[in-house]
Amino acid sequence: MKTVNIHKAKTNLSRLLKQVQQGESFIIARAGRPVARVTGVEKSVAKQTKRLGFLAGQIQVPEDFDRMSDKEILFMFGEKGASAS
């Protein structure tokens, strides 16, 4: 594994990262002392897409949900001191 000083790493970062993508790793050094090891990241599995309606059938929204008062909403979520009117 090769060692690169900080200045050279900053100057040649794009080239060095291309090498990392090809499987090569390198160490960044300050005054000849190793500071960091740069290695590639494994490709992750494709992200799962966000789905609308993923709780369908698991929750129930009251018919008058958009007309409820703040007190009723707090009562539904168990806030202390709130009572439904």
N, C-alpha and C. Protein backbone atom coordinates (compact mmCIF):
# COMPACT_ATOMS: atom_id res chain seq x y z
N MET A 1 0.86 -1.17 0.00
CA MET A 1 0.00 0.00 0.00
C MET A 1 0.90 1.23 0.00
N LYS A 2 0.61 2.15 -0.89
CA LYS A 2 1.47 3.32 -1.00
C LYS A 2 1.08 4.39 0.02
N THR A 3 2.04 5.23 0.35
CA THR A 3 1.83 6.34 1.27
C THR A 3 1.99 7.64 0.49
N VAL A 4 1.05 8.58 0.71
CA VAL A 4 1.04 9.85 0.01
C VAL A 4 0.99 10.95 1.05
N ASN A 5 1.83 12.01 0.86
CA ASN A 5 1.76 13.11 1.83
C ASN A 5 0.50 13.95 1.56
N ILE A 6 0.10 14.73 2.54
CA ILE A 6 -1.15 15.49 2.46
C ILE A 6 -1.19 16.40 1.23
N HIS A 7 -0.11 17.12 0.97
CA HIS A 7 -0.10 18.04 -0.17
C HIS A 7 -0.33 17.29 -1.48
N LYS A 8 0.36 16.17 -1.67
CA LYS A 8 0.20 15.39 -2.89
C LYS A 8 -1.22 14.82 -2.97
N ALA A 9 -1.78 14.41 -1.84
CA ALA A 9 -3.14 13.87 -1.84
C ALA A 9 -4.15 14.94 -2.25
N LYS A 10 -3.98 16.17 -1.73
CA LYS A 10 -4.89 17.26 -2.10
C LYS A 10 -4.75 17.60 -3.58
N THR A 11 -3.52 17.63 -4.07
CA THR A 11 -3.25 18.00 -5.46
C THR A 11 -3.77 16.94 -6.43
N ASN A 12 -3.69 15.69 -6.06
CA ASN A 12 -4.04 14.58 -6.97
C ASN A 12 -5.25 13.78 -6.50
N LEU A 13 -6.16 14.40 -5.77
CA LEU A 13 -7.27 13.67 -5.18
C LEU A 13 -8.10 12.91 -6.22
N SER A 14 -8.45 13.54 -7.31
CA SER A 14 -9.26 12.86 -8.33
C SER A 14 -8.58 11.60 -8.85
N ARG A 15 -7.30 11.72 -9.16
CA ARG A 15 -6.55 10.56 -9.68
C ARG A 15 -6.46 9.46 -8.63
N LEU A 16 -6.21 9.86 -7.38
CA LEU A 16 -6.11 8.87 -6.31
C LEU A 16 -7.44 8.17 -6.07
N LEU A 17 -8.54 8.90 -6.15
CA LEU A 17 -9.85 8.28 -5.95
C LEU A 17 -10.20 7.32 -7.07
N LYS A 18 -9.76 7.61 -8.29
CA LYS A 18 -9.96 6.66 -9.39
C LYS A 18 -9.25 5.34 -9.09
N GLN A 19 -8.04 5.46 -8.54
CA GLN A 19 -7.29 4.25 -8.17
C GLN A 19 -8.00 3.48 -7.07
N VAL A 20 -8.59 4.20 -6.12
CA VAL A 20 -9.33 3.55 -5.04
C VAL A 20 -10.53 2.80 -5.63
N GLN A 21 -11.21 3.40 -6.60
CA GLN A 21 -12.34 2.73 -7.24
C GLN A 21 -11.91 1.45 -7.95
N GLN A 22 -10.66 1.38 -8.35
CA GLN A 22 -10.13 0.19 -9.02
C GLN A 22 -9.59 -0.82 -8.02
N GLY A 23 -9.79 -0.55 -6.72
CA GLY A 23 -9.42 -1.52 -5.70
C GLY A 23 -8.12 -1.24 -4.96
N GLU A 24 -7.43 -0.17 -5.31
CA GLU A 24 -6.19 0.17 -4.63
C GLU A 24 -6.49 1.07 -3.42
N SER A 25 -5.77 0.88 -2.35
CA SER A 25 -5.89 1.72 -1.17
C SER A 25 -4.61 2.50 -0.99
N PHE A 26 -4.65 3.58 -0.22
CA PHE A 26 -3.43 4.32 0.07
C PHE A 26 -3.54 4.96 1.45
N ILE A 27 -2.39 5.38 1.96
CA ILE A 27 -2.32 6.02 3.27
C ILE A 27 -1.90 7.47 3.07
N ILE A 28 -2.58 8.37 3.79
CA ILE A 28 -2.21 9.78 3.78
C ILE A 28 -1.34 10.01 5.01
N ALA A 29 -0.20 10.66 4.80
CA ALA A 29 0.74 10.90 5.89
C ALA A 29 1.01 12.39 6.06
N ARG A 30 1.28 12.78 7.31
CA ARG A 30 1.70 14.15 7.63
C ARG A 30 3.09 14.04 8.23
N ALA A 31 4.04 14.71 7.61
CA ALA A 31 5.43 14.66 8.06
C ALA A 31 5.92 13.22 8.18
N GLY A 32 5.50 12.37 7.23
CA GLY A 32 5.96 11.00 7.20
C GLY A 32 5.24 10.06 8.14
N ARG A 33 4.31 10.58 8.92
CA ARG A 33 3.57 9.72 9.86
C ARG A 33 2.16 9.46 9.32
N PRO A 34 1.76 8.19 9.28
CA PRO A 34 0.42 7.86 8.77
C PRO A 34 -0.68 8.55 9.57
N VAL A 35 -1.65 9.12 8.83
CA VAL A 35 -2.77 9.80 9.46
C VAL A 35 -4.09 9.10 9.13
N ALA A 36 -4.25 8.68 7.87
CA ALA A 36 -5.51 8.06 7.45
C ALA A 36 -5.26 7.05 6.35
N ARG A 37 -6.11 6.04 6.32
CA ARG A 37 -6.07 5.05 5.24
C ARG A 37 -7.30 5.27 4.39
N VAL A 38 -7.14 5.38 3.09
CA VAL A 38 -8.25 5.59 2.17
C VAL A 38 -8.47 4.28 1.43
N THR A 39 -9.67 3.74 1.59
CA THR A 39 -10.05 2.49 0.93
C THR A 39 -11.40 2.67 0.28
N GLY A 40 -11.72 1.81 -0.63
CA GLY A 40 -13.00 1.88 -1.32
C GLY A 40 -14.15 1.44 -0.42
N VAL A 41 -15.33 1.85 -0.82
CA VAL A 41 -16.54 1.47 -0.11
C VAL A 41 -17.25 0.42 -0.94
N GLU A 42 -17.73 -0.62 -0.25
CA GLU A 42 -18.46 -1.66 -0.98
C GLU A 42 -19.74 -1.08 -1.55
N LYS A 43 -20.07 -1.53 -2.71
CA LYS A 43 -21.31 -1.04 -3.34
C LYS A 43 -22.48 -1.55 -2.51
N SER A 44 -23.39 -0.64 -2.21
CA SER A 44 -24.55 -1.01 -1.41
C SER A 44 -25.66 -1.56 -2.29
N VAL A 45 -26.53 -2.29 -1.66
CA VAL A 45 -27.69 -2.82 -2.36
C VAL A 45 -28.59 -1.65 -2.70
N ALA A 46 -29.26 -1.72 -3.82
CA ALA A 46 -30.14 -0.62 -4.25
C ALA A 46 -31.10 -0.25 -3.13
N LYS A 47 -31.26 1.06 -2.95
CA LYS A 47 -32.15 1.54 -1.91
C LYS A 47 -33.60 1.17 -2.24
N GLN A 48 -34.32 0.85 -1.17
CA GLN A 48 -35.73 0.57 -1.36
C GLN A 48 -36.45 1.90 -1.56
N THR A 49 -37.31 1.94 -2.55
CA THR A 49 -38.03 3.17 -2.82
C THR A 49 -39.10 3.41 -1.76
N LYS A 50 -39.34 4.68 -1.47
CA LYS A 50 -40.37 5.02 -0.51
C LYS A 50 -41.73 4.73 -1.14
N ARG A 51 -42.60 4.16 -0.33
CA ARG A 51 -43.91 3.79 -0.84
C ARG A 51 -44.99 4.58 -0.13
N LEU A 52 -45.93 5.07 -0.88
CA LEU A 52 -47.11 5.69 -0.29
C LEU A 52 -48.04 4.59 0.16
N GLY A 53 -48.69 4.80 1.27
CA GLY A 53 -49.68 3.83 1.74
C GLY A 53 -49.07 2.60 2.38
N PHE A 54 -47.85 2.67 2.88
CA PHE A 54 -47.21 1.48 3.44
C PHE A 54 -47.85 1.04 4.75
N LEU A 55 -48.70 1.87 5.38
CA LEU A 55 -49.40 1.47 6.59
C LEU A 55 -50.87 1.13 6.31
N ALA A 56 -51.22 0.98 5.07
CA ALA A 56 -52.60 0.68 4.70
C ALA A 56 -53.09 -0.55 5.46
N GLY A 57 -54.25 -0.41 6.10
CA GLY A 57 -54.83 -1.53 6.85
C GLY A 57 -54.30 -1.67 8.26
N GLN A 58 -53.26 -0.93 8.62
CA GLN A 58 -52.67 -1.05 9.95
C GLN A 58 -53.11 0.07 10.89
N ILE A 59 -53.54 1.17 10.34
CA ILE A 59 -54.01 2.28 11.16
C ILE A 59 -55.36 2.74 10.64
N GLN A 60 -56.08 3.46 11.48
CA GLN A 60 -57.38 3.96 11.07
C GLN A 60 -57.44 5.45 11.38
N VAL A 61 -57.76 6.25 10.37
CA VAL A 61 -57.86 7.70 10.51
C VAL A 61 -59.34 8.04 10.67
N PRO A 62 -59.69 8.78 11.73
CA PRO A 62 -61.10 9.14 11.93
C PRO A 62 -61.63 9.97 10.76
N GLU A 63 -62.92 9.82 10.47
CA GLU A 63 -63.55 10.55 9.37
C GLU A 63 -63.38 12.06 9.52
N ASP A 64 -63.44 12.55 10.77
CA ASP A 64 -63.38 13.99 11.02
C ASP A 64 -61.98 14.46 11.41
N PHE A 65 -60.96 13.73 10.99
CA PHE A 65 -59.59 14.04 11.39
C PHE A 65 -59.20 15.48 11.09
N ASP A 66 -59.55 15.98 9.93
CA ASP A 66 -59.16 17.33 9.55
C ASP A 66 -60.02 18.41 10.21
N ARG A 67 -61.04 18.01 10.96
CA ARG A 67 -61.88 18.98 11.65
C ARG A 67 -61.71 18.89 13.17
N MET A 68 -60.78 18.10 13.63
CA MET A 68 -60.59 17.91 15.07
C MET A 68 -59.89 19.10 15.69
N SER A 69 -60.15 19.33 16.97
CA SER A 69 -59.48 20.42 17.67
C SER A 69 -58.14 19.94 18.24
N ASP A 70 -57.32 20.87 18.65
CA ASP A 70 -56.01 20.53 19.22
C ASP A 70 -56.15 19.65 20.46
N LYS A 71 -57.16 19.92 21.29
CA LYS A 71 -57.35 19.13 22.51
C LYS A 71 -57.64 17.67 22.18
N GLU A 72 -58.48 17.44 21.18
CA GLU A 72 -58.80 16.07 20.79
C GLU A 72 -57.56 15.34 20.27
N ILE A 73 -56.77 16.05 19.50
CA ILE A 73 -55.56 15.44 18.95
C ILE A 73 -54.59 15.09 20.09
N LEU A 74 -54.39 16.01 21.02
CA LEU A 74 -53.51 15.74 22.16
C LEU A 74 -54.03 14.56 22.97
N PHE A 75 -55.35 14.47 23.15
CA PHE A 75 -55.96 13.38 23.91
C PHE A 75 -55.68 12.04 23.22
N MET A 76 -55.80 12.01 21.87
CA MET A 76 -55.57 10.77 21.12
C MET A 76 -54.14 10.28 21.28
N PHE A 77 -53.19 11.21 21.42
CA PHE A 77 -51.79 10.82 21.54
C PHE A 77 -51.34 10.74 22.98
N GLY A 78 -52.29 10.76 23.91
CA GLY A 78 -51.98 10.50 25.31
C GLY A 78 -51.29 11.63 26.04
N GLU A 79 -51.44 12.87 25.60
CA GLU A 79 -50.82 13.99 26.29
C GLU A 79 -51.52 14.20 27.63
N LYS A 80 -50.78 14.38 28.70
CA LYS A 80 -51.34 14.61 30.02
C LYS A 80 -52.00 15.96 30.08
N GLY A 81 -53.06 16.03 30.84
CA GLY A 81 -53.74 17.31 31.03
C GLY A 81 -54.72 17.64 29.93
N ALA A 82 -54.73 16.86 28.85
CA ALA A 82 -55.67 17.14 27.76
C ALA A 82 -56.88 16.24 27.92
N SER A 83 -58.03 16.78 27.72
CA SER A 83 -59.23 15.96 27.77
C SER A 83 -60.09 16.33 26.57
N ALA A 84 -60.72 15.32 26.00
CA ALA A 84 -61.56 15.56 24.82
C ALA A 84 -62.82 16.28 25.26
N SER A 85 -63.26 17.26 24.49
CA SER A 85 -64.48 18.00 24.82
C SER A 85 -65.66 17.46 24.08
